[in-house]
N, C-alpha and C. Protein backbone atom coordinates (compact mmCIF):
# COMPACT_ATOMS: atom_id res chain seq x y z
N MET A 1 34.72 29.30 2.03
CA MET A 1 34.24 28.04 1.50
C MET A 1 32.71 28.05 1.54
N VAL A 2 32.12 27.83 0.39
CA VAL A 2 30.67 27.82 0.28
C VAL A 2 30.22 26.38 0.15
N SER A 3 29.27 26.00 0.97
CA SER A 3 28.73 24.64 0.88
C SER A 3 27.22 24.71 0.77
N ALA A 4 26.67 23.81 0.01
CA ALA A 4 25.21 23.77 -0.16
C ALA A 4 24.61 23.01 1.01
N GLN A 5 23.51 23.50 1.51
CA GLN A 5 22.82 22.82 2.60
C GLN A 5 21.80 21.86 2.03
N ARG A 6 21.64 20.74 2.72
CA ARG A 6 20.61 19.76 2.31
C ARG A 6 19.25 20.30 2.71
N PRO A 7 18.26 20.08 1.86
CA PRO A 7 16.91 20.48 2.26
C PRO A 7 16.42 19.57 3.38
N PRO A 8 15.44 20.02 4.14
CA PRO A 8 14.93 19.18 5.24
C PRO A 8 14.27 17.90 4.70
N LEU A 9 14.20 16.90 5.56
CA LEU A 9 13.60 15.62 5.17
C LEU A 9 12.13 15.81 4.80
N ILE A 10 11.41 16.56 5.59
CA ILE A 10 10.01 16.86 5.31
C ILE A 10 9.95 18.32 4.84
N PRO A 11 9.26 18.60 3.73
CA PRO A 11 9.19 19.99 3.28
C PRO A 11 8.65 20.91 4.37
N LEU A 12 9.18 22.12 4.41
CA LEU A 12 8.79 23.06 5.45
C LEU A 12 7.37 23.59 5.26
N ARG A 13 6.87 23.54 4.03
CA ARG A 13 5.50 24.00 3.81
C ARG A 13 4.54 23.04 4.50
N PRO A 14 3.54 23.59 5.16
CA PRO A 14 2.60 22.71 5.86
C PRO A 14 1.74 21.92 4.87
N MET A 15 1.24 20.79 5.35
CA MET A 15 0.34 19.97 4.54
C MET A 15 -0.97 20.72 4.35
N LYS A 16 -1.54 20.56 3.17
CA LYS A 16 -2.83 21.18 2.89
C LYS A 16 -3.93 20.31 3.48
N ARG A 17 -5.11 20.90 3.63
CA ARG A 17 -6.24 20.22 4.27
C ARG A 17 -6.60 18.89 3.61
N PRO A 18 -6.69 18.79 2.26
CA PRO A 18 -7.04 17.49 1.67
C PRO A 18 -6.05 16.39 2.05
N MET A 19 -4.78 16.74 2.13
CA MET A 19 -3.79 15.74 2.50
C MET A 19 -3.96 15.33 3.97
N LYS A 20 -4.22 16.29 4.83
CA LYS A 20 -4.45 15.97 6.24
C LYS A 20 -5.65 15.06 6.40
N VAL A 21 -6.72 15.33 5.65
CA VAL A 21 -7.92 14.51 5.73
C VAL A 21 -7.63 13.10 5.22
N SER A 22 -6.94 13.00 4.07
CA SER A 22 -6.67 11.66 3.53
C SER A 22 -5.73 10.87 4.42
N VAL A 23 -4.75 11.53 5.03
CA VAL A 23 -3.87 10.84 5.97
C VAL A 23 -4.68 10.35 7.18
N GLY A 24 -5.55 11.19 7.69
CA GLY A 24 -6.38 10.81 8.84
C GLY A 24 -7.31 9.65 8.51
N VAL A 25 -7.98 9.72 7.37
CA VAL A 25 -8.89 8.64 6.96
C VAL A 25 -8.11 7.34 6.75
N THR A 26 -6.95 7.45 6.12
CA THR A 26 -6.13 6.26 5.88
C THR A 26 -5.70 5.62 7.20
N LEU A 27 -5.28 6.41 8.15
CA LEU A 27 -4.87 5.87 9.45
C LEU A 27 -6.04 5.23 10.20
N VAL A 28 -7.21 5.86 10.16
CA VAL A 28 -8.39 5.30 10.83
C VAL A 28 -8.76 3.96 10.19
N LEU A 29 -8.78 3.91 8.85
CA LEU A 29 -9.11 2.66 8.16
C LEU A 29 -8.05 1.59 8.41
N LEU A 30 -6.78 1.98 8.46
CA LEU A 30 -5.71 1.03 8.73
C LEU A 30 -5.88 0.42 10.12
N LEU A 31 -6.20 1.25 11.10
CA LEU A 31 -6.42 0.75 12.46
C LEU A 31 -7.64 -0.16 12.51
N ALA A 32 -8.71 0.19 11.78
CA ALA A 32 -9.91 -0.64 11.74
C ALA A 32 -9.60 -2.00 11.11
N LEU A 33 -8.86 -1.99 10.01
CA LEU A 33 -8.50 -3.26 9.35
C LEU A 33 -7.58 -4.09 10.24
N PHE A 34 -6.69 -3.42 10.94
CA PHE A 34 -5.80 -4.13 11.86
C PHE A 34 -6.61 -4.78 12.98
N ALA A 35 -7.57 -4.06 13.52
CA ALA A 35 -8.42 -4.60 14.60
C ALA A 35 -9.29 -5.75 14.09
N MET A 36 -9.77 -5.64 12.87
CA MET A 36 -10.59 -6.72 12.30
C MET A 36 -9.75 -7.95 11.98
N ASN A 37 -8.47 -7.77 11.73
CA ASN A 37 -7.60 -8.89 11.38
C ASN A 37 -7.19 -9.71 12.61
N GLN A 38 -7.21 -9.11 13.78
CA GLN A 38 -6.75 -9.81 14.98
C GLN A 38 -7.54 -11.09 15.28
N PRO A 39 -8.87 -11.08 15.21
CA PRO A 39 -9.60 -12.33 15.48
C PRO A 39 -9.41 -13.39 14.40
N LEU A 40 -8.87 -13.01 13.25
CA LEU A 40 -8.69 -13.95 12.15
C LEU A 40 -7.39 -14.76 12.26
N HIS A 41 -6.61 -14.50 13.29
CA HIS A 41 -5.38 -15.26 13.51
C HIS A 41 -5.75 -16.65 14.06
N THR A 42 -5.44 -17.67 13.28
CA THR A 42 -5.69 -19.05 13.70
C THR A 42 -4.43 -19.87 13.38
N VAL A 43 -4.48 -21.14 13.71
CA VAL A 43 -3.34 -22.02 13.39
C VAL A 43 -3.15 -22.10 11.88
N ALA A 44 -4.25 -22.20 11.13
CA ALA A 44 -4.18 -22.27 9.67
C ALA A 44 -3.84 -20.92 9.05
N ALA A 45 -4.17 -19.83 9.75
CA ALA A 45 -3.92 -18.48 9.24
C ALA A 45 -3.18 -17.67 10.31
N PRO A 46 -1.88 -17.92 10.49
CA PRO A 46 -1.16 -17.23 11.55
C PRO A 46 -1.07 -15.71 11.37
N GLN A 47 -1.28 -15.23 10.14
CA GLN A 47 -1.22 -13.79 9.89
C GLN A 47 -2.60 -13.23 9.51
N GLY A 48 -3.64 -13.98 9.80
CA GLY A 48 -4.99 -13.50 9.52
C GLY A 48 -5.28 -13.46 8.04
N ILE A 49 -5.85 -12.35 7.59
CA ILE A 49 -6.25 -12.21 6.18
C ILE A 49 -5.05 -12.24 5.25
N ILE A 50 -3.90 -11.84 5.75
CA ILE A 50 -2.68 -11.87 4.93
C ILE A 50 -2.34 -13.31 4.55
N SER A 51 -2.60 -14.24 5.44
CA SER A 51 -2.38 -15.66 5.12
C SER A 51 -3.26 -16.09 3.95
N LEU A 52 -4.49 -15.61 3.91
CA LEU A 52 -5.39 -15.94 2.80
C LEU A 52 -4.89 -15.29 1.51
N GLN A 53 -4.40 -14.07 1.61
CA GLN A 53 -3.87 -13.38 0.42
C GLN A 53 -2.71 -14.15 -0.19
N LEU A 54 -1.92 -14.78 0.64
CA LEU A 54 -0.72 -15.48 0.16
C LEU A 54 -0.88 -16.99 0.14
N ALA A 55 -2.12 -17.48 0.19
CA ALA A 55 -2.36 -18.93 0.24
C ALA A 55 -1.79 -19.65 -0.97
N GLY A 56 -2.08 -19.19 -2.17
CA GLY A 56 -1.49 -19.76 -3.37
C GLY A 56 -2.17 -20.99 -3.94
N THR A 57 -2.80 -21.81 -3.10
CA THR A 57 -3.48 -23.01 -3.59
C THR A 57 -4.89 -23.06 -2.99
N ALA A 58 -5.75 -23.79 -3.68
CA ALA A 58 -7.13 -23.95 -3.20
C ALA A 58 -7.16 -24.71 -1.88
N GLU A 59 -6.28 -25.69 -1.75
CA GLU A 59 -6.25 -26.49 -0.51
C GLU A 59 -5.89 -25.63 0.70
N HIS A 60 -4.87 -24.81 0.54
CA HIS A 60 -4.46 -23.93 1.64
C HIS A 60 -5.55 -22.89 1.94
N ALA A 61 -6.15 -22.33 0.88
CA ALA A 61 -7.24 -21.37 1.08
C ALA A 61 -8.42 -22.01 1.80
N GLN A 62 -8.74 -23.25 1.44
CA GLN A 62 -9.84 -23.95 2.09
C GLN A 62 -9.55 -24.21 3.57
N GLN A 63 -8.30 -24.55 3.90
CA GLN A 63 -7.92 -24.74 5.31
C GLN A 63 -8.12 -23.45 6.10
N ILE A 64 -7.72 -22.34 5.50
CA ILE A 64 -7.86 -21.05 6.17
C ILE A 64 -9.33 -20.71 6.36
N LEU A 65 -10.11 -20.86 5.29
CA LEU A 65 -11.54 -20.54 5.38
C LEU A 65 -12.26 -21.45 6.37
N SER A 66 -11.86 -22.72 6.44
CA SER A 66 -12.46 -23.65 7.41
C SER A 66 -12.14 -23.26 8.84
N SER A 67 -10.98 -22.66 9.05
CA SER A 67 -10.61 -22.25 10.41
C SER A 67 -11.35 -20.99 10.85
N TRP A 68 -12.03 -20.32 9.92
CA TRP A 68 -12.75 -19.08 10.22
C TRP A 68 -14.26 -19.29 10.26
N ARG A 69 -14.75 -20.34 10.68
CA ARG A 69 -16.19 -20.63 10.66
C ARG A 69 -17.01 -19.51 11.29
N GLY A 70 -18.24 -19.34 10.77
CA GLY A 70 -19.22 -18.44 11.37
C GLY A 70 -18.87 -16.98 11.31
N ASP A 71 -18.78 -16.37 12.49
CA ASP A 71 -18.57 -14.93 12.58
C ASP A 71 -17.23 -14.50 12.00
N LYS A 72 -16.21 -15.33 12.15
CA LYS A 72 -14.89 -14.98 11.62
C LYS A 72 -14.92 -14.91 10.09
N LEU A 73 -15.68 -15.79 9.47
CA LEU A 73 -15.79 -15.78 8.01
C LEU A 73 -16.50 -14.50 7.55
N ALA A 74 -17.53 -14.12 8.26
CA ALA A 74 -18.24 -12.87 7.94
C ALA A 74 -17.33 -11.67 8.17
N LEU A 75 -16.54 -11.71 9.23
CA LEU A 75 -15.59 -10.64 9.53
C LEU A 75 -14.54 -10.52 8.43
N ALA A 76 -14.08 -11.64 7.91
CA ALA A 76 -13.10 -11.63 6.82
C ALA A 76 -13.70 -10.98 5.57
N ARG A 77 -14.96 -11.30 5.27
CA ARG A 77 -15.62 -10.68 4.12
C ARG A 77 -15.77 -9.17 4.31
N VAL A 78 -16.20 -8.76 5.48
CA VAL A 78 -16.35 -7.33 5.76
C VAL A 78 -14.99 -6.63 5.66
N SER A 79 -13.96 -7.30 6.14
CA SER A 79 -12.61 -6.74 6.06
C SER A 79 -12.19 -6.52 4.61
N LEU A 80 -12.50 -7.47 3.74
CA LEU A 80 -12.15 -7.31 2.33
C LEU A 80 -12.96 -6.19 1.68
N TRP A 81 -14.25 -6.06 2.03
CA TRP A 81 -15.06 -4.97 1.48
C TRP A 81 -14.57 -3.61 1.99
N LEU A 82 -14.18 -3.55 3.27
CA LEU A 82 -13.64 -2.31 3.82
C LEU A 82 -12.29 -1.97 3.18
N ASP A 83 -11.57 -2.99 2.75
CA ASP A 83 -10.29 -2.77 2.11
C ASP A 83 -10.45 -2.00 0.80
N PHE A 84 -11.59 -2.11 0.13
CA PHE A 84 -11.82 -1.31 -1.09
C PHE A 84 -11.80 0.18 -0.76
N VAL A 85 -12.42 0.56 0.35
CA VAL A 85 -12.39 1.96 0.78
C VAL A 85 -10.97 2.36 1.17
N PHE A 86 -10.28 1.45 1.85
CA PHE A 86 -8.90 1.71 2.26
C PHE A 86 -8.00 1.92 1.05
N ILE A 87 -8.23 1.18 -0.03
CA ILE A 87 -7.42 1.35 -1.25
C ILE A 87 -7.54 2.77 -1.77
N VAL A 88 -8.76 3.27 -1.85
CA VAL A 88 -8.97 4.64 -2.33
C VAL A 88 -8.27 5.63 -1.40
N ALA A 89 -8.39 5.41 -0.10
CA ALA A 89 -7.78 6.33 0.87
C ALA A 89 -6.26 6.30 0.79
N TYR A 90 -5.66 5.10 0.76
CA TYR A 90 -4.19 5.09 0.75
C TYR A 90 -3.65 5.56 -0.59
N LEU A 91 -4.35 5.31 -1.68
CA LEU A 91 -3.89 5.82 -2.98
C LEU A 91 -3.92 7.34 -2.99
N ALA A 92 -5.01 7.93 -2.50
CA ALA A 92 -5.09 9.39 -2.43
C ALA A 92 -3.98 9.95 -1.55
N THR A 93 -3.74 9.31 -0.42
CA THR A 93 -2.68 9.78 0.49
C THR A 93 -1.31 9.69 -0.17
N LEU A 94 -1.01 8.57 -0.80
CA LEU A 94 0.31 8.40 -1.40
C LEU A 94 0.53 9.34 -2.59
N LEU A 95 -0.50 9.57 -3.39
CA LEU A 95 -0.37 10.50 -4.51
C LEU A 95 -0.18 11.93 -4.01
N GLN A 96 -0.92 12.30 -2.96
CA GLN A 96 -0.75 13.65 -2.40
C GLN A 96 0.61 13.79 -1.71
N LEU A 97 1.07 12.73 -1.08
CA LEU A 97 2.39 12.76 -0.44
C LEU A 97 3.49 12.91 -1.50
N THR A 98 3.33 12.26 -2.63
CA THR A 98 4.30 12.40 -3.72
C THR A 98 4.32 13.85 -4.20
N ARG A 99 3.15 14.44 -4.39
CA ARG A 99 3.11 15.84 -4.81
C ARG A 99 3.73 16.74 -3.74
N HIS A 100 3.44 16.46 -2.49
CA HIS A 100 3.97 17.27 -1.38
C HIS A 100 5.50 17.19 -1.34
N PHE A 101 6.04 16.00 -1.55
CA PHE A 101 7.49 15.84 -1.50
C PHE A 101 8.21 16.43 -2.71
N THR A 102 7.50 16.63 -3.80
CA THR A 102 8.15 17.19 -4.99
C THR A 102 7.91 18.68 -5.15
N ARG A 103 7.22 19.29 -4.21
CA ARG A 103 6.96 20.73 -4.32
C ARG A 103 8.23 21.55 -4.41
N ASP A 104 9.21 21.22 -3.62
CA ASP A 104 10.45 22.00 -3.62
C ASP A 104 11.55 21.30 -4.41
N ARG A 105 11.17 20.42 -5.31
CA ARG A 105 12.12 19.70 -6.16
C ARG A 105 11.84 20.03 -7.62
N PRO A 106 12.44 21.11 -8.13
CA PRO A 106 12.11 21.53 -9.49
C PRO A 106 12.83 20.74 -10.59
N GLY A 107 13.74 19.87 -10.22
CA GLY A 107 14.56 19.18 -11.22
C GLY A 107 13.78 18.19 -12.08
N ILE A 108 14.27 18.00 -13.28
CA ILE A 108 13.66 17.07 -14.23
C ILE A 108 13.76 15.64 -13.70
N ARG A 109 14.90 15.29 -13.14
CA ARG A 109 15.09 13.93 -12.62
C ARG A 109 14.08 13.63 -11.51
N GLU A 110 13.86 14.58 -10.61
CA GLU A 110 12.90 14.37 -9.53
C GLU A 110 11.48 14.25 -10.06
N ARG A 111 11.15 15.04 -11.07
CA ARG A 111 9.81 14.96 -11.67
C ARG A 111 9.61 13.61 -12.36
N MET A 112 10.64 13.12 -13.03
CA MET A 112 10.55 11.83 -13.70
C MET A 112 10.38 10.70 -12.67
N ILE A 113 11.15 10.75 -11.59
CA ILE A 113 11.01 9.74 -10.53
C ILE A 113 9.61 9.82 -9.92
N ALA A 114 9.11 11.04 -9.73
CA ALA A 114 7.77 11.21 -9.15
C ALA A 114 6.70 10.60 -10.06
N ARG A 115 6.87 10.73 -11.38
CA ARG A 115 5.92 10.09 -12.30
C ARG A 115 5.94 8.58 -12.14
N TRP A 116 7.14 8.00 -12.03
CA TRP A 116 7.26 6.56 -11.83
C TRP A 116 6.66 6.13 -10.50
N VAL A 117 6.89 6.93 -9.48
CA VAL A 117 6.36 6.62 -8.15
C VAL A 117 4.83 6.62 -8.18
N ARG A 118 4.25 7.64 -8.81
CA ARG A 118 2.78 7.69 -8.91
C ARG A 118 2.26 6.49 -9.70
N THR A 119 2.95 6.11 -10.77
CA THR A 119 2.54 4.95 -11.56
C THR A 119 2.60 3.68 -10.73
N LEU A 120 3.66 3.52 -9.93
CA LEU A 120 3.78 2.35 -9.06
C LEU A 120 2.64 2.29 -8.05
N PHE A 121 2.28 3.44 -7.48
CA PHE A 121 1.19 3.46 -6.50
C PHE A 121 -0.15 3.10 -7.15
N VAL A 122 -0.39 3.58 -8.37
CA VAL A 122 -1.64 3.26 -9.07
C VAL A 122 -1.67 1.77 -9.41
N ILE A 123 -0.55 1.23 -9.89
CA ILE A 123 -0.48 -0.21 -10.19
C ILE A 123 -0.73 -1.03 -8.94
N ALA A 124 -0.14 -0.61 -7.81
CA ALA A 124 -0.34 -1.33 -6.55
C ALA A 124 -1.82 -1.30 -6.14
N ALA A 125 -2.46 -0.16 -6.29
CA ALA A 125 -3.88 -0.05 -5.93
C ALA A 125 -4.75 -0.92 -6.84
N MET A 126 -4.44 -0.92 -8.13
CA MET A 126 -5.22 -1.75 -9.07
C MET A 126 -5.01 -3.24 -8.77
N ALA A 127 -3.78 -3.62 -8.43
CA ALA A 127 -3.51 -5.01 -8.06
C ALA A 127 -4.26 -5.37 -6.78
N ASP A 128 -4.34 -4.43 -5.84
CA ASP A 128 -5.07 -4.66 -4.60
C ASP A 128 -6.56 -4.86 -4.86
N ILE A 129 -7.12 -4.09 -5.78
CA ILE A 129 -8.53 -4.26 -6.14
C ILE A 129 -8.75 -5.64 -6.75
N GLY A 130 -7.88 -6.02 -7.70
CA GLY A 130 -7.99 -7.34 -8.31
C GLY A 130 -7.83 -8.47 -7.31
N GLU A 131 -6.91 -8.27 -6.37
CA GLU A 131 -6.69 -9.27 -5.31
C GLU A 131 -7.94 -9.44 -4.46
N ASN A 132 -8.57 -8.33 -4.06
CA ASN A 132 -9.79 -8.41 -3.25
C ASN A 132 -10.91 -9.11 -4.00
N ILE A 133 -11.04 -8.81 -5.29
CA ILE A 133 -12.08 -9.48 -6.10
C ILE A 133 -11.82 -10.98 -6.16
N ALA A 134 -10.55 -11.35 -6.37
CA ALA A 134 -10.20 -12.79 -6.41
C ALA A 134 -10.47 -13.45 -5.07
N LEU A 135 -10.13 -12.78 -3.98
CA LEU A 135 -10.35 -13.36 -2.65
C LEU A 135 -11.83 -13.50 -2.34
N LEU A 136 -12.62 -12.49 -2.68
CA LEU A 136 -14.06 -12.58 -2.44
C LEU A 136 -14.70 -13.68 -3.28
N SER A 137 -14.20 -13.86 -4.49
CA SER A 137 -14.70 -14.94 -5.35
C SER A 137 -14.28 -16.31 -4.84
N ASN A 138 -13.20 -16.35 -4.12
CA ASN A 138 -12.64 -17.61 -3.62
C ASN A 138 -13.35 -18.10 -2.34
N PHE A 139 -14.23 -17.29 -1.77
CA PHE A 139 -14.89 -17.66 -0.52
C PHE A 139 -15.85 -18.83 -0.70
N THR A 140 -16.56 -18.89 -1.82
CA THR A 140 -17.57 -19.94 -1.99
C THR A 140 -16.92 -21.29 -2.28
N GLU A 141 -16.15 -21.37 -3.30
CA GLU A 141 -15.48 -22.61 -3.69
C GLU A 141 -14.05 -22.26 -4.09
N PRO A 142 -13.08 -22.38 -3.17
CA PRO A 142 -11.71 -22.02 -3.50
C PRO A 142 -11.18 -22.80 -4.70
N SER A 143 -10.49 -22.09 -5.58
CA SER A 143 -9.87 -22.73 -6.73
C SER A 143 -8.40 -22.35 -6.78
N ASP A 144 -7.62 -23.20 -7.40
CA ASP A 144 -6.19 -22.93 -7.52
C ASP A 144 -5.93 -21.65 -8.32
N SER A 145 -6.70 -21.44 -9.39
CA SER A 145 -6.46 -20.26 -10.23
C SER A 145 -6.76 -18.96 -9.47
N LEU A 146 -7.86 -18.92 -8.72
CA LEU A 146 -8.18 -17.71 -7.95
C LEU A 146 -7.18 -17.50 -6.81
N SER A 147 -6.78 -18.58 -6.16
CA SER A 147 -5.81 -18.47 -5.06
C SER A 147 -4.46 -17.98 -5.58
N LEU A 148 -4.03 -18.54 -6.70
CA LEU A 148 -2.75 -18.12 -7.28
C LEU A 148 -2.83 -16.69 -7.80
N THR A 149 -3.96 -16.34 -8.41
CA THR A 149 -4.15 -14.96 -8.89
C THR A 149 -4.09 -13.98 -7.73
N ALA A 150 -4.76 -14.29 -6.64
CA ALA A 150 -4.74 -13.41 -5.47
C ALA A 150 -3.33 -13.27 -4.92
N THR A 151 -2.58 -14.37 -4.88
CA THR A 151 -1.21 -14.32 -4.37
C THR A 151 -0.32 -13.47 -5.27
N ILE A 152 -0.42 -13.66 -6.58
CA ILE A 152 0.40 -12.88 -7.52
C ILE A 152 0.05 -11.41 -7.42
N LEU A 153 -1.24 -11.10 -7.36
CA LEU A 153 -1.66 -9.70 -7.24
C LEU A 153 -1.22 -9.09 -5.91
N ALA A 154 -1.23 -9.87 -4.84
CA ALA A 154 -0.74 -9.38 -3.54
C ALA A 154 0.75 -9.06 -3.62
N LEU A 155 1.50 -9.90 -4.31
CA LEU A 155 2.94 -9.64 -4.45
C LEU A 155 3.20 -8.43 -5.33
N ILE A 156 2.39 -8.25 -6.38
CA ILE A 156 2.52 -7.06 -7.23
C ILE A 156 2.21 -5.81 -6.40
N LYS A 157 1.15 -5.89 -5.59
CA LYS A 157 0.77 -4.77 -4.73
C LYS A 157 1.90 -4.40 -3.78
N LEU A 158 2.42 -5.39 -3.09
CA LEU A 158 3.47 -5.13 -2.11
C LEU A 158 4.74 -4.60 -2.78
N THR A 159 5.09 -5.15 -3.94
CA THR A 159 6.27 -4.68 -4.67
C THR A 159 6.07 -3.23 -5.12
N GLY A 160 4.89 -2.91 -5.65
CA GLY A 160 4.62 -1.54 -6.07
C GLY A 160 4.68 -0.55 -4.93
N LEU A 161 4.13 -0.94 -3.78
CA LEU A 161 4.16 -0.04 -2.62
C LEU A 161 5.58 0.15 -2.09
N VAL A 162 6.34 -0.93 -2.01
CA VAL A 162 7.72 -0.82 -1.51
C VAL A 162 8.58 0.01 -2.46
N LEU A 163 8.49 -0.26 -3.76
CA LEU A 163 9.28 0.51 -4.72
C LEU A 163 8.83 1.97 -4.77
N GLY A 164 7.52 2.21 -4.62
CA GLY A 164 7.03 3.58 -4.60
C GLY A 164 7.53 4.36 -3.40
N VAL A 165 7.50 3.74 -2.24
CA VAL A 165 8.02 4.39 -1.04
C VAL A 165 9.53 4.62 -1.17
N ALA A 166 10.25 3.66 -1.76
CA ALA A 166 11.68 3.85 -1.99
C ALA A 166 11.91 5.03 -2.93
N GLY A 167 11.05 5.19 -3.92
CA GLY A 167 11.14 6.34 -4.81
C GLY A 167 10.92 7.65 -4.08
N LEU A 168 9.98 7.65 -3.13
CA LEU A 168 9.76 8.86 -2.33
C LEU A 168 11.01 9.20 -1.51
N VAL A 169 11.66 8.19 -0.98
CA VAL A 169 12.89 8.42 -0.22
C VAL A 169 13.97 8.99 -1.14
N ILE A 170 14.07 8.47 -2.35
CA ILE A 170 15.06 8.98 -3.30
C ILE A 170 14.76 10.43 -3.66
N ILE A 171 13.49 10.74 -3.87
CA ILE A 171 13.11 12.12 -4.19
C ILE A 171 13.52 13.06 -3.06
N ARG A 172 13.24 12.67 -1.82
CA ARG A 172 13.57 13.53 -0.69
C ARG A 172 15.07 13.60 -0.44
N ALA A 173 15.80 12.56 -0.79
CA ALA A 173 17.24 12.54 -0.53
C ALA A 173 18.04 13.26 -1.61
N SER A 174 17.44 13.48 -2.77
CA SER A 174 18.20 14.11 -3.86
C SER A 174 18.47 15.57 -3.53
N ARG A 175 19.58 16.04 -4.03
CA ARG A 175 19.96 17.43 -3.76
C ARG A 175 19.22 18.37 -4.71
N ARG A 176 18.94 19.55 -4.22
CA ARG A 176 18.29 20.54 -5.08
C ARG A 176 19.26 21.07 -6.10
N ARG A 177 20.50 21.27 -5.72
CA ARG A 177 21.54 21.71 -6.65
C ARG A 177 22.82 20.97 -6.30
N PRO A 178 23.67 20.77 -7.28
CA PRO A 178 24.89 20.03 -7.00
C PRO A 178 25.80 20.81 -6.04
N LEU A 179 26.60 20.05 -5.30
CA LEU A 179 27.57 20.70 -4.43
C LEU A 179 28.60 21.43 -5.27
N THR A 180 29.00 22.59 -4.80
CA THR A 180 30.04 23.32 -5.53
C THR A 180 31.39 22.77 -5.07
N PRO A 181 32.29 22.57 -6.02
CA PRO A 181 33.60 22.02 -5.61
C PRO A 181 34.37 23.04 -4.77
N SER A 182 35.02 22.53 -3.76
CA SER A 182 35.82 23.42 -2.91
C SER A 182 37.18 23.62 -3.55
N THR A 183 37.70 24.81 -3.43
CA THR A 183 39.00 25.11 -4.04
C THR A 183 40.09 25.24 -3.03
């Protein structure tokens, strides 16, 4: 009886240096953003900057911004500017990870899924850039349109990232060749 073995979850080929660097930079920036977000937790913003991203209305955004007076408001701005660098880093990491996961997947279906995954990651990054621009513009005089735009773009970003990661899981879970029927 001949049975096909599943490929390993992580490809056996080692990661190349650019991917290692982008993963490292992404993790460092993620930890920095996480540390910067901790002081931004207030009653009006229980999740810090994420609460501002999902505010949705000018009134709610104004409550959050009012709870961040002084240094916290400056920290929130710096966090959003640093997020632009983080976007480049996580996009590079996710695109390289997609390429890494498809190295040993020669099938047309896997290549097609990988194209969709890369497209989702790029859309998520572009939505993240638009969201940051809307949030930075909303600091002076919050408006309903900017708050709603930031919320919609945040949801597009999160949806793109979740679906992209799900696509990576599908790529890794797919078989290289079909199982042979047992006789």
